[in-house]
């Protein structure tokens, strides 16, 4: 049995950060989001309820922080580049700051329960 999602629906990426996340397709099995983060922008705290494949259309360095602002990941510290596609499990409350020099552009394919 799957545990209930512990965060409120208001934190869903499309609701909490609509300027950065655009819903481009959804059905009972999948939800596809177009995510764009301009240079210097920080996406408001939000969640991703379902695990997803993230396809990087345009990469820029970024910092992911938890809901309290603690750094979880800083891409500038990587020794190898990120792959063009990656699997990420559900993401609890977090924000993303574009600290690079181009807009971040991702397409995510969230696989619903």
PDB file of N, CA and C in Angstrom:
ATOM      1  N   UNK A   1       0.838  -1.189   0.000  1.00  0.00           N
ATOM      2  CA  UNK A   1       0.000   0.000   0.000  1.00  0.00           C
ATOM      3  C   UNK A   1       0.880   1.250   0.000  1.00  0.00           C
ATOM      4  N   UNK A   2       0.543   2.197  -0.834  1.00  0.00           N
ATOM      5  CA  UNK A   2       1.297   3.430  -0.952  1.00  0.00           C
ATOM      6  C   UNK A   2       0.909   4.397   0.165  1.00  0.00           C
ATOM      7  N   UNK A   3       1.931   5.015   0.747  1.00  0.00           N
ATOM      8  CA  UNK A   3       1.685   6.025   1.782  1.00  0.00           C
ATOM      9  C   UNK A   3       1.018   7.243   1.150  1.00  0.00           C
ATOM     10  N   UNK A   4       0.128   7.910   1.896  1.00  0.00           N
ATOM     11  CA  UNK A   4      -0.478   9.123   1.345  1.00  0.00           C
ATOM     12  C   UNK A   4       0.576  10.228   1.180  1.00  0.00           C
ATOM     13  N   UNK A   5       0.379  11.076   0.193  1.00  0.00           N
ATOM     14  CA  UNK A   5       1.285  12.193  -0.060  1.00  0.00           C
ATOM     15  C   UNK A   5       1.145  13.174   1.099  1.00  0.00           C
ATOM     16  N   UNK A   6       2.248  13.468   1.824  1.00  0.00           N
ATOM     17  CA  UNK A   6       2.133  14.255   3.058  1.00  0.00           C
ATOM     18  C   UNK A   6       2.031  15.770   2.883  1.00  0.00           C
ATOM     19  N   UNK A   7       2.232  16.279   1.662  1.00  0.00           N
ATOM     20  CA  UNK A   7       2.229  17.730   1.477  1.00  0.00           C
ATOM     21  C   UNK A   7       0.936  18.195   0.819  1.00  0.00           C
ATOM     22  N   UNK A   8       0.521  19.417   1.130  1.00  0.00           N
ATOM     23  CA  UNK A   8      -0.751  19.922   0.599  1.00  0.00           C
ATOM     24  C   UNK A   8      -0.710  20.127  -0.918  1.00  0.00           C
ATOM     25  N   UNK A   9      -1.870  19.997  -1.566  1.00  0.00           N
ATOM     26  CA  UNK A   9      -1.926  20.168  -3.025  1.00  0.00           C
ATOM     27  C   UNK A   9      -1.460  21.554  -3.481  1.00  0.00           C
ATOM     28  N   UNK A  10      -1.529  22.547  -2.610  1.00  0.00           N
ATOM     29  CA  UNK A  10      -1.107  23.909  -2.974  1.00  0.00           C
ATOM     30  C   UNK A  10       0.395  23.975  -3.276  1.00  0.00           C
ATOM     31  N   UNK A  11       1.153  22.960  -2.826  1.00  0.00           N
ATOM     32  CA  UNK A  11       2.596  22.938  -3.101  1.00  0.00           C
ATOM     33  C   UNK A  11       2.942  22.257  -4.422  1.00  0.00           C
ATOM     34  N   UNK A  12       1.949  21.714  -5.117  1.00  0.00           N
ATOM     35  CA  UNK A  12       2.209  21.101  -6.421  1.00  0.00           C
ATOM     36  C   UNK A  12       2.870  22.127  -7.340  1.00  0.00           C
ATOM     37  N   UNK A  13       3.840  21.691  -8.114  1.00  0.00           N
ATOM     38  CA  UNK A  13       4.629  22.593  -8.963  1.00  0.00           C
ATOM     39  C   UNK A  13       3.778  23.507  -9.836  1.00  0.00           C
ATOM     40  N   UNK A  14       2.734  22.975 -10.429  1.00  0.00           N
ATOM     41  CA  UNK A  14       1.904  23.765 -11.343  1.00  0.00           C
ATOM     42  C   UNK A  14       1.115  24.837 -10.585  1.00  0.00           C
ATOM     43  N   UNK A  15       0.782  24.562  -9.334  1.00  0.00           N
ATOM     44  CA  UNK A  15       0.016  25.519  -8.519  1.00  0.00           C
ATOM     45  C   UNK A  15       0.950  26.498  -7.805  1.00  0.00           C
ATOM     46  N   UNK A  16       2.006  25.987  -7.172  1.00  0.00           N
ATOM     47  CA  UNK A  16       2.901  26.824  -6.371  1.00  0.00           C
ATOM     48  C   UNK A  16       3.873  27.650  -7.214  1.00  0.00           C
ATOM     49  N   UNK A  17       4.189  27.157  -8.406  1.00  0.00           N
ATOM     50  CA  UNK A  17       5.180  27.843  -9.256  1.00  0.00           C
ATOM     51  C   UNK A  17       4.738  27.841 -10.713  1.00  0.00           C
ATOM     52  N   UNK A  18       3.556  28.428 -11.001  1.00  0.00           N
ATOM     53  CA  UNK A  18       3.022  28.371 -12.373  1.00  0.00           C
ATOM     54  C   UNK A  18       3.834  29.168 -13.391  1.00  0.00           C
ATOM     55  N   UNK A  19       4.611  30.140 -12.955  1.00  0.00           N
ATOM     56  CA  UNK A  19       5.432  30.913 -13.887  1.00  0.00           C
ATOM     57  C   UNK A  19       6.577  30.075 -14.445  1.00  0.00           C
ATOM     58  N   UNK A  20       6.939  29.003 -13.729  1.00  0.00           N
ATOM     59  CA  UNK A  20       8.060  28.161 -14.138  1.00  0.00           C
ATOM     60  C   UNK A  20       7.638  26.795 -14.668  1.00  0.00           C
ATOM     61  N   UNK A  21       6.440  26.327 -14.316  1.00  0.00           N
ATOM     62  CA  UNK A  21       5.967  25.001 -14.725  1.00  0.00           C
ATOM     63  C   UNK A  21       4.684  25.129 -15.542  1.00  0.00           C
ATOM     64  N   UNK A  22       4.708  24.591 -16.755  1.00  0.00           N
ATOM     65  CA  UNK A  22       3.532  24.589 -17.619  1.00  0.00           C
ATOM     66  C   UNK A  22       3.115  23.146 -17.875  1.00  0.00           C
ATOM     67  N   UNK A  23       1.857  22.852 -17.599  1.00  0.00           N
ATOM     68  CA  UNK A  23       1.313  21.526 -17.881  1.00  0.00           C
ATOM     69  C   UNK A  23       1.080  21.426 -19.382  1.00  0.00           C
ATOM     70  N   UNK A  24       1.737  20.440 -20.038  1.00  0.00           N
ATOM     71  CA  UNK A  24       1.552  20.307 -21.487  1.00  0.00           C
ATOM     72  C   UNK A  24       0.787  19.046 -21.871  1.00  0.00           C
ATOM     73  N   UNK A  25       0.640  18.100 -20.920  1.00  0.00           N
ATOM     74  CA  UNK A  25      -0.165  16.910 -21.166  1.00  0.00           C
ATOM     75  C   UNK A  25      -0.435  16.232 -19.839  1.00  0.00           C
ATOM     76  N   UNK A  26      -1.650  15.664 -19.717  1.00  0.00           N
ATOM     77  CA  UNK A  26      -1.960  14.873 -18.523  1.00  0.00           C
ATOM     78  C   UNK A  26      -3.081  13.890 -18.833  1.00  0.00           C
ATOM     79  N   UNK A  27      -2.905  12.678 -18.316  1.00  0.00           N
ATOM     80  CA  UNK A  27      -3.981  11.687 -18.314  1.00  0.00           C
ATOM     81  C   UNK A  27      -3.864  10.889 -17.018  1.00  0.00           C
ATOM     82  N   UNK A  28      -4.478   9.724 -16.939  1.00  0.00           N
ATOM     83  CA  UNK A  28      -4.462   8.939 -15.702  1.00  0.00           C
ATOM     84  C   UNK A  28      -3.085   8.334 -15.400  1.00  0.00           C
ATOM     85  N   UNK A  29      -2.237   8.182 -16.407  1.00  0.00           N
ATOM     86  CA  UNK A  29      -0.941   7.527 -16.215  1.00  0.00           C
ATOM     87  C   UNK A  29       0.254   8.470 -16.116  1.00  0.00           C
ATOM     88  N   UNK A  30       0.175   9.621 -16.771  1.00  0.00           N
ATOM     89  CA  UNK A  30       1.355  10.486 -16.884  1.00  0.00           C
ATOM     90  C   UNK A  30       0.955  11.958 -16.871  1.00  0.00           C
ATOM     91  N   UNK A  31       1.886  12.772 -16.392  1.00  0.00           N
ATOM     92  CA  UNK A  31       1.742  14.225 -16.474  1.00  0.00           C
ATOM     93  C   UNK A  31       3.059  14.760 -17.021  1.00  0.00           C
ATOM     94  N   UNK A  32       2.985  15.607 -18.047  1.00  0.00           N
ATOM     95  CA  UNK A  32       4.172  16.152 -18.691  1.00  0.00           C
ATOM     96  C   UNK A  32       4.230  17.654 -18.409  1.00  0.00           C
ATOM     97  N   UNK A  33       5.375  18.082 -17.864  1.00  0.00           N
ATOM     98  CA  UNK A  33       5.569  19.492 -17.533  1.00  0.00           C
ATOM     99  C   UNK A  33       6.705  20.079 -18.349  1.00  0.00           C
ATOM    100  N   UNK A  34       6.516  21.315 -18.779  1.00  0.00           N
ATOM    101  CA  UNK A  34       7.560  22.112 -19.418  1.00  0.00           C
ATOM    102  C   UNK A  34       8.041  23.083 -18.346  1.00  0.00           C
ATOM    103  N   UNK A  35       9.306  22.978 -17.964  1.00  0.00           N
ATOM    104  CA  UNK A  35       9.855  23.821 -16.901  1.00  0.00           C
ATOM    105  C   UNK A  35      10.913  24.739 -17.474  1.00  0.00           C
ATOM    106  N   UNK A  36      10.770  26.029 -17.167  1.00  0.00           N
ATOM    107  CA  UNK A  36      11.739  27.033 -17.615  1.00  0.00           C
ATOM    108  C   UNK A  36      12.084  27.923 -16.425  1.00  0.00           C
ATOM    109  N   UNK A  37      13.398  28.089 -16.212  1.00  0.00           N
ATOM    110  CA  UNK A  37      13.869  28.915 -15.106  1.00  0.00           C
ATOM    111  C   UNK A  37      14.862  29.929 -15.676  1.00  0.00           C
ATOM    112  N   UNK A  38      14.448  31.198 -15.779  1.00  0.00           N
ATOM    113  CA  UNK A  38      15.349  32.217 -16.315  1.00  0.00           C
ATOM    114  C   UNK A  38      16.595  32.411 -15.447  1.00  0.00           C
ATOM    115  N   UNK A  39      17.633  32.946 -16.047  1.00  0.00           N
ATOM    116  CA  UNK A  39      18.887  33.239 -15.348  1.00  0.00           C
ATOM    117  C   UNK A  39      18.581  34.112 -14.128  1.00  0.00           C
ATOM    118  N   UNK A  40      19.115  33.715 -12.981  1.00  0.00           N
ATOM    119  CA  UNK A  40      18.948  34.496 -11.759  1.00  0.00           C
ATOM    120  C   UNK A  40      17.648  34.264 -11.018  1.00  0.00           C
ATOM    121  N   UNK A  41      16.718  33.534 -11.604  1.00  0.00           N
ATOM    122  CA  UNK A  41      15.419  33.277 -10.977  1.00  0.00           C
ATOM    123  C   UNK A  41      15.517  32.154  -9.956  1.00  0.00           C
ATOM    124  N   UNK A  42      14.662  32.244  -8.933  1.00  0.00           N
ATOM    125  CA  UNK A  42      14.485  31.170  -7.972  1.00  0.00           C
ATOM    126  C   UNK A  42      13.027  30.741  -8.022  1.00  0.00           C
ATOM    127  N   UNK A  43      12.805  29.467  -8.280  1.00  0.00           N
ATOM    128  CA  UNK A  43      11.452  28.914  -8.330  1.00  0.00           C
ATOM    129  C   UNK A  43      10.933  28.825  -6.890  1.00  0.00           C
ATOM    130  N   UNK A  44       9.700  29.280  -6.630  1.00  0.00           N
ATOM    131  CA  UNK A  44       9.147  29.164  -5.277  1.00  0.00           C
ATOM    132  C   UNK A  44       9.119  27.707  -4.806  1.00  0.00           C
ATOM    133  N   UNK A  45       9.091  27.531  -3.498  1.00  0.00           N
ATOM    134  CA  UNK A  45       9.035  26.189  -2.908  1.00  0.00           C
ATOM    135  C   UNK A  45       7.825  25.446  -3.472  1.00  0.00           C
ATOM    136  N   UNK A  46       8.068  24.199  -3.907  1.00  0.00           N
ATOM    137  CA  UNK A  46       7.023  23.380  -4.519  1.00  0.00           C
ATOM    138  C   UNK A  46       7.402  21.909  -4.383  1.00  0.00           C
ATOM    139  N   UNK A  47       6.505  21.028  -4.801  1.00  0.00           N
ATOM    140  CA  UNK A  47       6.742  19.583  -4.756  1.00  0.00           C
ATOM    141  C   UNK A  47       6.488  18.969  -6.129  1.00  0.00           C
ATOM    142  N   UNK A  48       6.980  17.739  -6.272  1.00  0.00           N
ATOM    143  CA  UNK A  48       6.642  16.888  -7.415  1.00  0.00           C
ATOM    144  C   UNK A  48       6.198  15.560  -6.821  1.00  0.00           C
ATOM    145  N   UNK A  49       4.921  15.298  -6.898  1.00  0.00           N
ATOM    146  CA  UNK A  49       4.310  14.139  -6.234  1.00  0.00           C
ATOM    147  C   UNK A  49       4.736  12.800  -6.828  1.00  0.00           C
ATOM    148  N   UNK A  50       4.993  12.781  -8.126  1.00  0.00           N
ATOM    149  CA  UNK A  50       5.277  11.520  -8.812  1.00  0.00           C
ATOM    150  C   UNK A  50       6.728  11.455  -9.272  1.00  0.00           C
ATOM    151  N   UNK A  51       7.302  10.248  -9.312  1.00  0.00           N
ATOM    152  CA  UNK A  51       8.644  10.103  -9.889  1.00  0.00           C
ATOM    153  C   UNK A  51       8.585  10.437 -11.370  1.00  0.00           C
ATOM    154  N   UNK A  52       9.731  10.846 -11.910  1.00  0.00           N
ATOM    155  CA  UNK A  52       9.699  11.332 -13.292  1.00  0.00           C
ATOM    156  C   UNK A  52      11.031  11.143 -13.991  1.00  0.00           C
ATOM    157  N   UNK A  53      10.938  11.103 -15.320  1.00  0.00           N
ATOM    158  CA  UNK A  53      12.102  11.226 -16.177  1.00  0.00           C
ATOM    159  C   UNK A  53      12.187  12.706 -16.551  1.00  0.00           C
ATOM    160  N   UNK A  54      13.357  13.290 -16.297  1.00  0.00           N
ATOM    161  CA  UNK A  54      13.596  14.700 -16.622  1.00  0.00           C
ATOM    162  C   UNK A  54      14.516  14.772 -17.824  1.00  0.00           C
ATOM    163  N   UNK A  55      14.042  15.387 -18.889  1.00  0.00           N
ATOM    164  CA  UNK A  55      14.833  15.581 -20.100  1.00  0.00           C
ATOM    165  C   UNK A  55      15.326  17.027 -20.100  1.00  0.00           C
ATOM    166  N   UNK A  56      16.648  17.193 -20.095  1.00  0.00           N
ATOM    167  CA  UNK A  56      17.220  18.531 -20.092  1.00  0.00           C
ATOM    168  C   UNK A  56      17.336  19.022 -21.529  1.00  0.00           C
ATOM    169  N   UNK A  57      16.539  20.031 -21.858  1.00  0.00           N
ATOM    170  CA  UNK A  57      16.598  20.650 -23.182  1.00  0.00           C
ATOM    171  C   UNK A  57      17.750  21.655 -23.206  1.00  0.00           C
ATOM    172  N   UNK A  58      17.853  22.459 -22.116  1.00  0.00           N
ATOM    173  CA  UNK A  58      18.949  23.425 -21.991  1.00  0.00           C
ATOM    174  C   UNK A  58      19.411  23.436 -20.535  1.00  0.00           C
ATOM    175  N   UNK A  59      20.674  23.147 -20.336  1.00  0.00           N
ATOM    176  CA  UNK A  59      21.245  23.078 -18.992  1.00  0.00           C
ATOM    177  C   UNK A  59      21.846  24.417 -18.593  1.00  0.00           C
ATOM    178  N   UNK A  60      21.694  24.735 -17.329  1.00  0.00           N
ATOM    179  CA  UNK A  60      22.408  25.832 -16.697  1.00  0.00           C
ATOM    180  C   UNK A  60      22.634  25.421 -15.252  1.00  0.00           C
ATOM    181  N   UNK A  61      23.688  25.900 -14.643  1.00  0.00           N
ATOM    182  CA  UNK A  61      23.956  25.522 -13.260  1.00  0.00           C
ATOM    183  C   UNK A  61      22.835  25.987 -12.342  1.00  0.00           C
ATOM    184  N   UNK A  62      22.583  25.167 -11.319  1.00  0.00           N
ATOM    185  CA  UNK A  62      21.478  25.451 -10.408  1.00  0.00           C
ATOM    186  C   UNK A  62      21.790  24.967  -9.005  1.00  0.00           C
ATOM    187  N   UNK A  63      21.042  25.525  -8.059  1.00  0.00           N
ATOM    188  CA  UNK A  63      21.095  25.093  -6.665  1.00  0.00           C
ATOM    189  C   UNK A  63      19.681  24.673  -6.275  1.00  0.00           C
ATOM    190  N   UNK A  64      19.552  23.462  -5.723  1.00  0.00           N
ATOM    191  CA  UNK A  64      18.265  22.988  -5.189  1.00  0.00           C
ATOM    192  C   UNK A  64      18.343  23.083  -3.670  1.00  0.00           C
ATOM    193  N   UNK A  65      17.333  23.720  -3.082  1.00  0.00           N
ATOM    194  CA  UNK A  65      17.263  23.861  -1.624  1.00  0.00           C
ATOM    195  C   UNK A  65      15.996  23.192  -1.108  1.00  0.00           C
ATOM    196  N   UNK A  66      16.039  22.740   0.141  1.00  0.00           N
ATOM    197  CA  UNK A  66      14.831  22.172   0.743  1.00  0.00           C
ATOM    198  C   UNK A  66      13.879  23.297   1.133  1.00  0.00           C
ATOM    199  N   UNK A  67      12.744  22.944   1.694  1.00  0.00           N
ATOM    200  CA  UNK A  67      11.726  23.928   2.049  1.00  0.00           C
ATOM    201  C   UNK A  67      12.175  24.963   3.053  1.00  0.00           C
ATOM    202  N   UNK A  68      13.241  24.655   3.808  1.00  0.00           N
ATOM    203  CA  UNK A  68      13.774  25.593   4.798  1.00  0.00           C
ATOM    204  C   UNK A  68      14.976  26.380   4.273  1.00  0.00           C
ATOM    205  N   UNK A  69      15.358  26.127   3.027  1.00  0.00           N
ATOM    206  CA  UNK A  69      16.465  26.877   2.432  1.00  0.00           C
ATOM    207  C   UNK A  69      17.824  26.209   2.511  1.00  0.00           C
ATOM    208  N   UNK A  70      17.913  25.008   3.080  1.00  0.00           N
ATOM    209  CA  UNK A  70      19.188  24.284   3.171  1.00  0.00           C
ATOM    210  C   UNK A  70      19.546  23.725   1.794  1.00  0.00           C
ATOM    211  N   UNK A  71      20.805  23.900   1.386  1.00  0.00           N
ATOM    212  CA  UNK A  71      21.248  23.419   0.075  1.00  0.00           C
ATOM    213  C   UNK A  71      21.250  21.894   0.049  1.00  0.00           C
ATOM    214  N   UNK A  72      20.527  21.333  -0.931  1.00  0.00           N
ATOM    215  CA  UNK A  72      20.481  19.891  -1.157  1.00  0.00           C
ATOM    216  C   UNK A  72      21.437  19.474  -2.273  1.00  0.00           C
ATOM    217  N   UNK A  73      21.577  20.355  -3.272  1.00  0.00           N
ATOM    218  CA  UNK A  73      22.367  20.008  -4.459  1.00  0.00           C
ATOM    219  C   UNK A  73      22.832  21.292  -5.129  1.00  0.00           C
ATOM    220  N   UNK A  74      24.115  21.324  -5.518  1.00  0.00           N
ATOM    221  CA  UNK A  74      24.678  22.453  -6.252  1.00  0.00           C
ATOM    222  C   UNK A  74      25.404  21.866  -7.467  1.00  0.00           C
ATOM    223  N   UNK A  75      24.857  22.100  -8.654  1.00  0.00           N
ATOM    224  CA  UNK A  75      25.418  21.485  -9.863  1.00  0.00           C
ATOM    225  C   UNK A  75      26.833  21.961 -10.168  1.00  0.00           C
ATOM    226  N   UNK A  76      27.247  23.083  -9.617  1.00  0.00           N
ATOM    227  CA  UNK A  76      28.603  23.589  -9.865  1.00  0.00           C
ATOM    228  C   UNK A  76      29.668  22.716  -9.208  1.00  0.00           C
ATOM    229  N   UNK A  77      29.255  21.861  -8.274  1.00  0.00           N
ATOM    230  CA  UNK A  77      30.206  20.995  -7.569  1.00  0.00           C
ATOM    231  C   UNK A  77      30.357  19.622  -8.230  1.00  0.00           C
ATOM    232  N   UNK A  78      29.653  19.392  -9.327  1.00  0.00           N
ATOM    233  CA  UNK A  78      29.751  18.108 -10.027  1.00  0.00           C
ATOM    234  C   UNK A  78      31.110  17.962 -10.696  1.00  0.00           C
ATOM    235  N   UNK A  79      31.625  16.736 -10.679  1.00  0.00           N
ATOM    236  CA  UNK A  79      32.872  16.477 -11.392  1.00  0.00           C
ATOM    237  C   UNK A  79      32.601  15.993 -12.818  1.00  0.00           C
ATOM    238  N   UNK A  80      31.395  15.467 -13.064  1.00  0.00           N
ATOM    239  CA  UNK A  80      30.981  15.046 -14.406  1.00  0.00           C
ATOM    240  C   UNK A  80      29.679  15.745 -14.756  1.00  0.00           C
ATOM    241  N   UNK A  81      29.453  16.052 -16.027  1.00  0.00           N
ATOM    242  CA  UNK A  81      28.194  16.713 -16.412  1.00  0.00           C
ATOM    243  C   UNK A  81      26.984  15.808 -16.165  1.00  0.00           C
ATOM    244  N   UNK A  82      25.857  16.437 -15.923  1.00  0.00           N
ATOM    245  CA  UNK A  82      24.609  15.679 -15.775  1.00  0.00           C
ATOM    246  C   UNK A  82      24.224  15.079 -17.119  1.00  0.00           C
ATOM    247  N   UNK A  83      23.611  13.894 -17.119  1.00  0.00           N
ATOM    248  CA  UNK A  83      23.157  13.312 -18.394  1.00  0.00           C
ATOM    249  C   UNK A  83      21.970  14.101 -18.943  1.00  0.00           C
ATOM    250  N   UNK A  84      21.693  13.978 -20.238  1.00  0.00           N
ATOM    251  CA  UNK A  84      20.570  14.727 -20.831  1.00  0.00           C
ATOM    252  C   UNK A  84      19.204  14.258 -20.337  1.00  0.00           C
ATOM    253  N   UNK A  85      19.135  13.059 -19.789  1.00  0.00           N
ATOM    254  CA  UNK A  85      17.887  12.563 -19.196  1.00  0.00           C
ATOM    255  C   UNK A  85      18.240  11.867 -17.889  1.00  0.00           C
ATOM    256  N   UNK A  86      17.364  12.038 -16.906  1.00  0.00           N
ATOM    257  CA  UNK A  86      17.631  11.442 -15.593  1.00  0.00           C
ATOM    258  C   UNK A  86      16.315  11.083 -14.917  1.00  0.00           C
ATOM    259  N   UNK A  87      16.389  10.067 -14.059  1.00  0.00           N
ATOM    260  CA  UNK A  87      15.243   9.639 -13.258  1.00  0.00           C
ATOM    261  C   UNK A  87      15.348  10.304 -11.891  1.00  0.00           C
ATOM    262  N   UNK A  88      14.251  10.912 -11.436  1.00  0.00           N
ATOM    263  CA  UNK A  88      14.194  11.457 -10.083  1.00  0.00           C
ATOM    264  C   UNK A  88      12.939  10.922  -9.416  1.00  0.00           C
ATOM    265  N   UNK A  89      13.092  10.496  -8.173  1.00  0.00           N
ATOM    266  CA  UNK A  89      11.928  10.079  -7.402  1.00  0.00           C
ATOM    267  C   UNK A  89      11.111  11.309  -7.029  1.00  0.00           C
ATOM    268  N   UNK A  90      10.020  11.097  -6.338  1.00  0.00           N
ATOM    269  CA  UNK A  90       9.182  12.193  -5.869  1.00  0.00           C
ATOM    270  C   UNK A  90      10.062  13.221  -5.155  1.00  0.00           C
ATOM    271  N   UNK A  91       9.727  14.486  -5.338  1.00  0.00           N
ATOM    272  CA  UNK A  91      10.516  15.537  -4.707  1.00  0.00           C
ATOM    273  C   UNK A  91       9.680  16.256  -3.656  1.00  0.00           C
ATOM    274  N   UNK A  92      10.126  16.202  -2.384  1.00  0.00           N
ATOM    275  CA  UNK A  92       9.438  16.941  -1.327  1.00  0.00           C
ATOM    276  C   UNK A  92       9.639  18.445  -1.529  1.00  0.00           C
ATOM    277  N   UNK A  93       9.113  19.278  -0.646  1.00  0.00           N
ATOM    278  CA  UNK A  93       9.241  20.729  -0.835  1.00  0.00           C
ATOM    279  C   UNK A  93      10.689  21.155  -1.087  1.00  0.00           C
ATOM    280  N   UNK A  94      10.862  21.932  -2.155  1.00  0.00           N
ATOM    281  CA  UNK A  94      12.179  22.408  -2.561  1.00  0.00           C
ATOM    282  C   UNK A  94      12.028  23.640  -3.446  1.00  0.00           C
ATOM    283  N   UNK A  95      13.122  24.359  -3.609  1.00  0.00           N
ATOM    284  CA  UNK A  95      13.186  25.458  -4.570  1.00  0.00           C
ATOM    285  C   UNK A  95      14.405  25.218  -5.452  1.00  0.00           C
ATOM    286  N   UNK A  96      14.428  25.865  -6.603  1.00  0.00           N
ATOM    287  CA  UNK A  96      15.560  25.752  -7.524  1.00  0.00           C
ATOM    288  C   UNK A  96      15.944  27.161  -7.953  1.00  0.00           C
ATOM    289  N   UNK A  97      17.245  27.457  -7.840  1.00  0.00           N
ATOM    290  CA  UNK A  97      17.769  28.750  -8.261  1.00  0.00           C
ATOM    291  C   UNK A  97      18.690  28.547  -9.456  1.00  0.00           C
ATOM    292  N   UNK A  98      18.457  29.290 -10.530  1.00  0.00           N
ATOM    293  CA  UNK A  98      19.318  29.243 -11.706  1.00  0.00           C
ATOM    294  C   UNK A  98      20.504  30.171 -11.450  1.00  0.00           C
ATOM    295  N   UNK A  99      21.682  29.589 -11.199  1.00  0.00           N
ATOM    296  CA  UNK A  99      22.888  30.368 -10.941  1.00  0.00           C
ATOM    297  C   UNK A  99      23.828  30.352 -12.153  1.00  0.00           C
ATOM    298  N   UNK A 100      23.312  29.871 -13.275  1.00  0.00           N
ATOM    299  CA  UNK A 100      24.116  29.793 -14.493  1.00  0.00           C
ATOM    300  C   UNK A 100      23.908  31.002 -15.380  1.00  0.00           C
ATOM    301  N   UNK A 101      24.267  30.850 -16.666  1.00  0.00           N
ATOM    302  CA  UNK A 101      24.221  31.992 -17.583  1.00  0.00           C
ATOM    303  C   UNK A 101      23.223  31.836 -18.726  1.00  0.00           C
ATOM    304  N   UNK A 102      22.397  30.768 -18.701  1.00  0.00           N
ATOM    305  CA  UNK A 102      21.323  30.608 -19.681  1.00  0.00           C
ATOM    306  C   UNK A 102      20.078  30.088 -18.968  1.00  0.00           C
ATOM    307  N   UNK A 103      18.937  30.232 -19.625  1.00  0.00           N
ATOM    308  CA  UNK A 103      17.691  29.717 -19.069  1.00  0.00           C
ATOM    309  C   UNK A 103      17.745  28.195 -18.965  1.00  0.00           C
ATOM    310  N   UNK A 104      17.295  27.663 -17.834  1.00  0.00           N
ATOM    311  CA  UNK A 104      17.132  26.218 -17.689  1.00  0.00           C
ATOM    312  C   UNK A 104      15.826  25.837 -18.380  1.00  0.00           C
ATOM    313  N   UNK A 105      15.864  24.764 -19.163  1.00  0.00           N
ATOM    314  CA  UNK A 105      14.650  24.273 -19.830  1.00  0.00           C
ATOM    315  C   UNK A 105      14.614  22.756 -19.698  1.00  0.00           C
ATOM    316  N   UNK A 106      13.579  22.257 -19.050  1.00  0.00           N
ATOM    317  CA  UNK A 106      13.391  20.825 -18.819  1.00  0.00           C
ATOM    318  C   UNK A 106      12.012  20.399 -19.282  1.00  0.00           C
ATOM    319  N   UNK A 107      11.900  19.160 -19.719  1.00  0.00           N
ATOM    320  CA  UNK A 107      10.608  18.522 -19.943  1.00  0.00           C
ATOM    321  C   UNK A 107      10.592  17.313 -19.004  1.00  0.00           C
ATOM    322  N   UNK A 108       9.597  17.231 -18.136  1.00  0.00           N
ATOM    323  CA  UNK A 108       9.520  16.099 -17.203  1.00  0.00           C
ATOM    324  C   UNK A 108       8.281  15.271 -17.502  1.00  0.00           C
ATOM    325  N   UNK A 109       8.476  13.961 -17.380  1.00  0.00           N
ATOM    326  CA  UNK A 109       7.410  12.984 -17.609  1.00  0.00           C
ATOM    327  C   UNK A 109       7.144  12.308 -16.284  1.00  0.00           C
ATOM    328  N   UNK A 110       6.146  12.790 -15.553  1.00  0.00           N
ATOM    329  CA  UNK A 110       5.811  12.275 -14.228  1.00  0.00           C
ATOM    330  C   UNK A 110       4.901  11.056 -14.374  1.00  0.00           C
ATOM    331  N   UNK A 111       5.324   9.956 -13.771  1.00  0.00           N
ATOM    332  CA  UNK A 111       4.564   8.712 -13.858  1.00  0.00           C
ATOM    333  C   UNK A 111       3.672   8.559 -12.629  1.00  0.00           C
ATOM    334  N   UNK A 112       2.371   8.668 -12.847  1.00  0.00           N
ATOM    335  CA  UNK A 112       1.418   8.624 -11.746  1.00  0.00           C
ATOM    336  C   UNK A 112       1.277   7.205 -11.202  1.00  0.00           C
ATOM    337  N   UNK A 113       0.800   7.115  -9.964  1.00  0.00           N
ATOM    338  CA  UNK A 113       0.573   5.804  -9.339  1.00  0.00           C
ATOM    339  C   UNK A 113      -0.405   4.971 -10.132  1.00  0.00           C
TER     340      UNK A 113
END
